[in-house]
Amino acid sequence: MGIEVRRLRPGAEAEFVSGLQWLFEPPGSRPPGWDHDRAVQRTAQILADEHVALFAARSHEDQVVGVVSVYLDIISVRFGRRASIEDLAVHPGWRSQGVGARLLTAARAWAQEHGADYVFLESGVARAEAHRFYLREGATHAAASFRWTIGEPR
C-alpha cells in the first residue's frame, strides 16, 4: 500500500489543519466557532512544543491521507504520565486500509519514548465505526467523557 507516516515539522501547519476537516463529516460536525486561520496559528504553537507531536500519513503520491496529534498532558496520581491523542483523522477514501493503525502506532510509540505510562483517546459518541476500530487496536473502553465549554451559560 505504500503509506509512510512522518512527524510534522514547522511549516506543515496548513496540511495538518486540512486533515482535520475529515472529522467534520458525518457523523462528526464542525466545532462551534471553527476558524481555519486560527487553527493554523494554534498548530504553529503546538509544533513548537516539545510535549506534542503531530504526524501525517502520506500515500505513495505524497498525498496526506491521515493525521494524528499526541500530547504529554498530565501526570495522574493514580495512573502515571498520560499521553492524549486529540486528533486522529483519515481521509474517507483511505479508511479501512491501515492508515489509522499506522498513525496510532506512531503516536503510541512517540508517547512511550517520551515517558508516557498510558495513552488516552476521547471519541464522539456517534463515531461507532471509530470505536470498533479502537477496540480492534487493543484499546479498552475505560471511561465516559464530559465537557464544559468555558463561557457558555449553564
C-alpha atoms as a PDB file:
ATOM      1  CA  MET A   1       0.000   0.000   0.000  1.00  0.00           C
ATOM      2  CA  GLY A   2       2.923   2.443   0.280  1.00  0.00           C
ATOM      3  CA  ILE A   3       1.819   4.536   3.267  1.00  0.00           C
ATOM      4  CA  GLU A   4       4.521   6.463   5.085  1.00  0.00           C
ATOM      5  CA  VAL A   5       3.952   8.157   8.450  1.00  0.00           C
ATOM      6  CA  ARG A   6       6.150  11.151   9.230  1.00  0.00           C
ATOM      7  CA  ARG A   7       6.358  13.527  12.157  1.00  0.00           C
ATOM      8  CA  LEU A   8       5.376  17.020  11.065  1.00  0.00           C
ATOM      9  CA  ARG A   9       7.707  19.974  11.476  1.00  0.00           C
ATOM     10  CA  PRO A  10       7.105  23.735  11.395  1.00  0.00           C
ATOM     11  CA  GLY A  11       5.774  24.746   8.000  1.00  0.00           C
ATOM     12  CA  ALA A  12       3.274  21.863   7.843  1.00  0.00           C
ATOM     13  CA  GLU A  13       0.521  23.657   9.776  1.00  0.00           C
ATOM     14  CA  ALA A  14      -1.915  24.082   6.873  1.00  0.00           C
ATOM     15  CA  GLU A  15      -1.699  20.448   5.763  1.00  0.00           C
ATOM     16  CA  PHE A  16      -2.380  19.225   9.314  1.00  0.00           C
ATOM     17  CA  VAL A  17      -5.397  21.527   9.649  1.00  0.00           C
ATOM     18  CA  SER A  18      -6.738  20.460   6.250  1.00  0.00           C
ATOM     19  CA  GLY A  19      -6.668  16.861   7.507  1.00  0.00           C
ATOM     20  CA  LEU A  20      -8.819  17.823  10.489  1.00  0.00           C
ATOM     21  CA  GLN A  21     -11.618  18.738   8.094  1.00  0.00           C
ATOM     22  CA  TRP A  22     -12.285  14.982   7.665  1.00  0.00           C
ATOM     23  CA  LEU A  23     -13.510  14.932  11.266  1.00  0.00           C
ATOM     24  CA  PHE A  24     -16.282  17.373  10.369  1.00  0.00           C
ATOM     25  CA  GLU A  25     -18.046  14.975   8.007  1.00  0.00           C
ATOM     26  CA  PRO A  26     -20.950  12.918   9.430  1.00  0.00           C
ATOM     27  CA  PRO A  27     -21.159  11.513  11.987  1.00  0.00           C
ATOM     28  CA  GLY A  28     -18.863  14.365  13.109  1.00  0.00           C
ATOM     29  CA  SER A  29     -19.536  18.075  12.883  1.00  0.00           C
ATOM     30  CA  ARG A  30     -17.680  21.361  12.643  1.00  0.00           C
ATOM     31  CA  PRO A  31     -16.806  22.669  16.128  1.00  0.00           C
ATOM     32  CA  PRO A  32     -18.638  25.850  17.163  1.00  0.00           C
ATOM     33  CA  GLY A  33     -16.539  28.861  16.284  1.00  0.00           C
ATOM     34  CA  TRP A  34     -14.196  26.875  13.993  1.00  0.00           C
ATOM     35  CA  ASP A  35     -11.807  29.211  12.220  1.00  0.00           C
ATOM     36  CA  HIS A  36      -9.286  27.732   9.771  1.00  0.00           C
ATOM     37  CA  ASP A  37      -6.736  30.543  10.159  1.00  0.00           C
ATOM     38  CA  ARG A  38      -6.867  30.364  13.955  1.00  0.00           C
ATOM     39  CA  ALA A  39      -6.415  26.581  13.722  1.00  0.00           C
ATOM     40  CA  VAL A  40      -3.295  27.084  11.588  1.00  0.00           C
ATOM     41  CA  GLN A  41      -1.943  29.540  14.197  1.00  0.00           C
ATOM     42  CA  ARG A  42      -2.643  27.078  17.020  1.00  0.00           C
ATOM     43  CA  THR A  43      -0.921  24.339  15.051  1.00  0.00           C
ATOM     44  CA  ALA A  44       2.179  26.529  14.743  1.00  0.00           C
ATOM     45  CA  GLN A  45       2.193  26.951  18.536  1.00  0.00           C
ATOM     46  CA  ILE A  46       1.776  23.214  19.021  1.00  0.00           C
ATOM     47  CA  LEU A  47       4.610  22.346  16.658  1.00  0.00           C
ATOM     48  CA  ALA A  48       6.933  24.450  18.829  1.00  0.00           C
ATOM     49  CA  ASP A  49       6.005  22.485  21.992  1.00  0.00           C
ATOM     50  CA  GLU A  50       8.335  19.613  22.915  1.00  0.00           C
ATOM     51  CA  HIS A  51       5.461  17.825  24.685  1.00  0.00           C
ATOM     52  CA  VAL A  52       3.436  17.448  21.486  1.00  0.00           C
ATOM     53  CA  ALA A  53       3.910  15.505  18.264  1.00  0.00           C
ATOM     54  CA  LEU A  54       1.896  15.751  15.056  1.00  0.00           C
ATOM     55  CA  PHE A  55       2.096  13.041  12.417  1.00  0.00           C
ATOM     56  CA  ALA A  56       0.836  12.760   8.847  1.00  0.00           C
ATOM     57  CA  ALA A  57       0.317   9.624   6.788  1.00  0.00           C
ATOM     58  CA  ARG A  58       1.181  10.057   3.121  1.00  0.00           C
ATOM     59  CA  SER A  59       0.336   7.971   0.094  1.00  0.00           C
ATOM     60  CA  HIS A  60       2.974   6.908  -2.410  1.00  0.00           C
ATOM     61  CA  GLU A  61       1.930  10.032  -4.396  1.00  0.00           C
ATOM     62  CA  ASP A  62       2.837  12.144  -1.297  1.00  0.00           C
ATOM     63  CA  GLN A  63      -0.833  12.979  -0.651  1.00  0.00           C
ATOM     64  CA  VAL A  64      -1.734  13.491   3.032  1.00  0.00           C
ATOM     65  CA  VAL A  65      -4.264  10.747   3.807  1.00  0.00           C
ATOM     66  CA  GLY A  66      -4.331  10.930   7.612  1.00  0.00           C
ATOM     67  CA  VAL A  67      -3.195  12.976  10.596  1.00  0.00           C
ATOM     68  CA  VAL A  68      -2.852  12.481  14.337  1.00  0.00           C
ATOM     69  CA  SER A  69      -1.742  14.601  17.298  1.00  0.00           C
ATOM     70  CA  VAL A  70      -0.440  13.296  20.623  1.00  0.00           C
ATOM     71  CA  TYR A  71       0.207  15.346  23.753  1.00  0.00           C
ATOM     72  CA  LEU A  72       2.000  14.589  27.005  1.00  0.00           C
ATOM     73  CA  ASP A  73      -0.501  16.358  29.198  1.00  0.00           C
ATOM     74  CA  ILE A  74      -0.838  15.281  32.845  1.00  0.00           C
ATOM     75  CA  ILE A  75       0.763  13.156  35.489  1.00  0.00           C
ATOM     76  CA  SER A  76      -2.030  11.281  37.216  1.00  0.00           C
ATOM     77  CA  VAL A  77      -1.565  10.281  40.838  1.00  0.00           C
ATOM     78  CA  ARG A  78      -3.375   7.012  40.110  1.00  0.00           C
ATOM     79  CA  PHE A  79      -2.117   6.084  36.636  1.00  0.00           C
ATOM     80  CA  GLY A  80       1.143   7.942  35.958  1.00  0.00           C
ATOM     81  CA  ARG A  81       2.117  10.027  32.929  1.00  0.00           C
ATOM     82  CA  ARG A  82      -0.676  10.354  30.363  1.00  0.00           C
ATOM     83  CA  ALA A  83      -0.412  10.991  26.659  1.00  0.00           C
ATOM     84  CA  SER A  84      -3.587  12.075  24.903  1.00  0.00           C
ATOM     85  CA  ILE A  85      -4.426  11.536  21.273  1.00  0.00           C
ATOM     86  CA  GLU A  86      -6.521  14.550  20.409  1.00  0.00           C
ATOM     87  CA  ASP A  87      -6.952  14.417  16.656  1.00  0.00           C
ATOM     88  CA  LEU A  88      -6.982  11.268  14.565  1.00  0.00           C
ATOM     89  CA  ALA A  89      -8.414  11.800  11.109  1.00  0.00           C
ATOM     90  CA  VAL A  90      -8.187   9.648   7.985  1.00  0.00           C
ATOM     91  CA  HIS A  91      -9.318  10.682   4.516  1.00  0.00           C
ATOM     92  CA  PRO A  92     -12.669   8.937   3.856  1.00  0.00           C
ATOM     93  CA  GLY A  93     -11.298   7.262   0.722  1.00  0.00           C
ATOM     94  CA  TRP A  94      -8.412   5.760   2.696  1.00  0.00           C
ATOM     95  CA  ARG A  95     -10.296   4.365   5.696  1.00  0.00           C
ATOM     96  CA  SER A  96     -10.047   0.619   6.405  1.00  0.00           C
ATOM     97  CA  GLN A  97      -6.692   0.458   4.618  1.00  0.00           C
ATOM     98  CA  GLY A  98      -4.378   0.542   7.625  1.00  0.00           C
ATOM     99  CA  VAL A  99      -3.795   4.308   7.725  1.00  0.00           C
ATOM    100  CA  GLY A 100      -5.392   4.804  11.142  1.00  0.00           C
ATOM    101  CA  ALA A 101      -3.489   1.845  12.587  1.00  0.00           C
ATOM    102  CA  ARG A 102      -0.189   3.248  11.309  1.00  0.00           C
ATOM    103  CA  LEU A 103      -0.971   6.667  12.789  1.00  0.00           C
ATOM    104  CA  LEU A 104      -1.948   5.134  16.142  1.00  0.00           C
ATOM    105  CA  THR A 105       1.260   3.106  16.171  1.00  0.00           C
ATOM    106  CA  ALA A 106       3.343   6.251  15.555  1.00  0.00           C
ATOM    107  CA  ALA A 107       1.506   8.228  18.258  1.00  0.00           C
ATOM    108  CA  ARG A 108       1.750   5.423  20.820  1.00  0.00           C
ATOM    109  CA  ALA A 109       5.449   4.848  20.079  1.00  0.00           C
ATOM    110  CA  TRP A 110       6.192   8.565  20.495  1.00  0.00           C
ATOM    111  CA  ALA A 111       4.252   8.594  23.773  1.00  0.00           C
ATOM    112  CA  GLN A 112       6.204   5.616  25.091  1.00  0.00           C
ATOM    113  CA  GLU A 113       9.536   7.132  24.012  1.00  0.00           C
ATOM    114  CA  HIS A 114       8.601  10.283  25.931  1.00  0.00           C
ATOM    115  CA  GLY A 115       7.749   8.551  29.198  1.00  0.00           C
ATOM    116  CA  ALA A 116       4.000   8.051  28.994  1.00  0.00           C
ATOM    117  CA  ASP A 117       2.528   5.255  31.107  1.00  0.00           C
ATOM    118  CA  TYR A 118      -0.731   5.162  29.158  1.00  0.00           C
ATOM    119  CA  VAL A 119      -2.454   6.733  26.161  1.00  0.00           C
ATOM    120  CA  PHE A 120      -5.906   8.284  26.366  1.00  0.00           C
ATOM    121  CA  LEU A 121      -8.186   8.916  23.400  1.00  0.00           C
ATOM    122  CA  GLU A 122     -11.601  10.542  23.541  1.00  0.00           C
ATOM    123  CA  SER A 123     -14.072   9.989  20.703  1.00  0.00           C
ATOM    124  CA  GLY A 124     -17.509  11.406  19.939  1.00  0.00           C
ATOM    125  CA  VAL A 125     -20.406   9.159  20.947  1.00  0.00           C
ATOM    126  CA  ALA A 126     -21.716   8.975  17.355  1.00  0.00           C
ATOM    127  CA  ARG A 127     -18.468   7.514  15.961  1.00  0.00           C
ATOM    128  CA  ALA A 128     -19.388   3.837  16.338  1.00  0.00           C
ATOM    129  CA  GLU A 129     -17.102   2.706  13.482  1.00  0.00           C
ATOM    130  CA  ALA A 130     -14.143   4.513  15.033  1.00  0.00           C
ATOM    131  CA  HIS A 131     -14.910   2.906  18.398  1.00  0.00           C
ATOM    132  CA  ARG A 132     -14.858  -0.567  16.838  1.00  0.00           C
ATOM    133  CA  PHE A 133     -11.511   0.315  15.242  1.00  0.00           C
ATOM    134  CA  TYR A 134     -10.024   1.448  18.588  1.00  0.00           C
ATOM    135  CA  LEU A 135     -11.151  -1.756  20.274  1.00  0.00           C
ATOM    136  CA  ARG A 136      -9.619  -3.828  17.443  1.00  0.00           C
ATOM    137  CA  GLU A 137      -6.395  -1.897  18.018  1.00  0.00           C
ATOM    138  CA  GLY A 138      -6.325  -3.043  21.645  1.00  0.00           C
ATOM    139  CA  ALA A 139      -7.917  -0.097  23.445  1.00  0.00           C
ATOM    140  CA  THR A 140     -10.232  -0.651  26.376  1.00  0.00           C
ATOM    141  CA  HIS A 141     -13.431   1.309  26.811  1.00  0.00           C
ATOM    142  CA  ALA A 142     -12.321   2.814  30.105  1.00  0.00           C
ATOM    143  CA  ALA A 143     -14.368   5.936  30.815  1.00  0.00           C
ATOM    144  CA  ALA A 144     -17.169   8.280  29.857  1.00  0.00           C
ATOM    145  CA  SER A 145     -16.119  11.781  28.912  1.00  0.00           C
ATOM    146  CA  PHE A 146     -17.852  15.034  29.855  1.00  0.00           C
ATOM    147  CA  ARG A 147     -17.171  18.569  28.637  1.00  0.00           C
ATOM    148  CA  TRP A 148     -17.861  22.089  29.740  1.00  0.00           C
ATOM    149  CA  THR A 149     -17.305  24.883  27.243  1.00  0.00           C
ATOM    150  CA  ILE A 150     -15.995  27.955  29.038  1.00  0.00           C
ATOM    151  CA  GLY A 151     -18.244  30.969  28.650  1.00  0.00           C
ATOM    152  CA  GLU A 152     -21.469  29.077  27.915  1.00  0.00           C
ATOM    153  CA  PRO A 153     -24.353  29.832  30.280  1.00  0.00           C
ATOM    154  CA  ARG A 154     -25.486  26.951  32.461  1.00  0.00           C
END
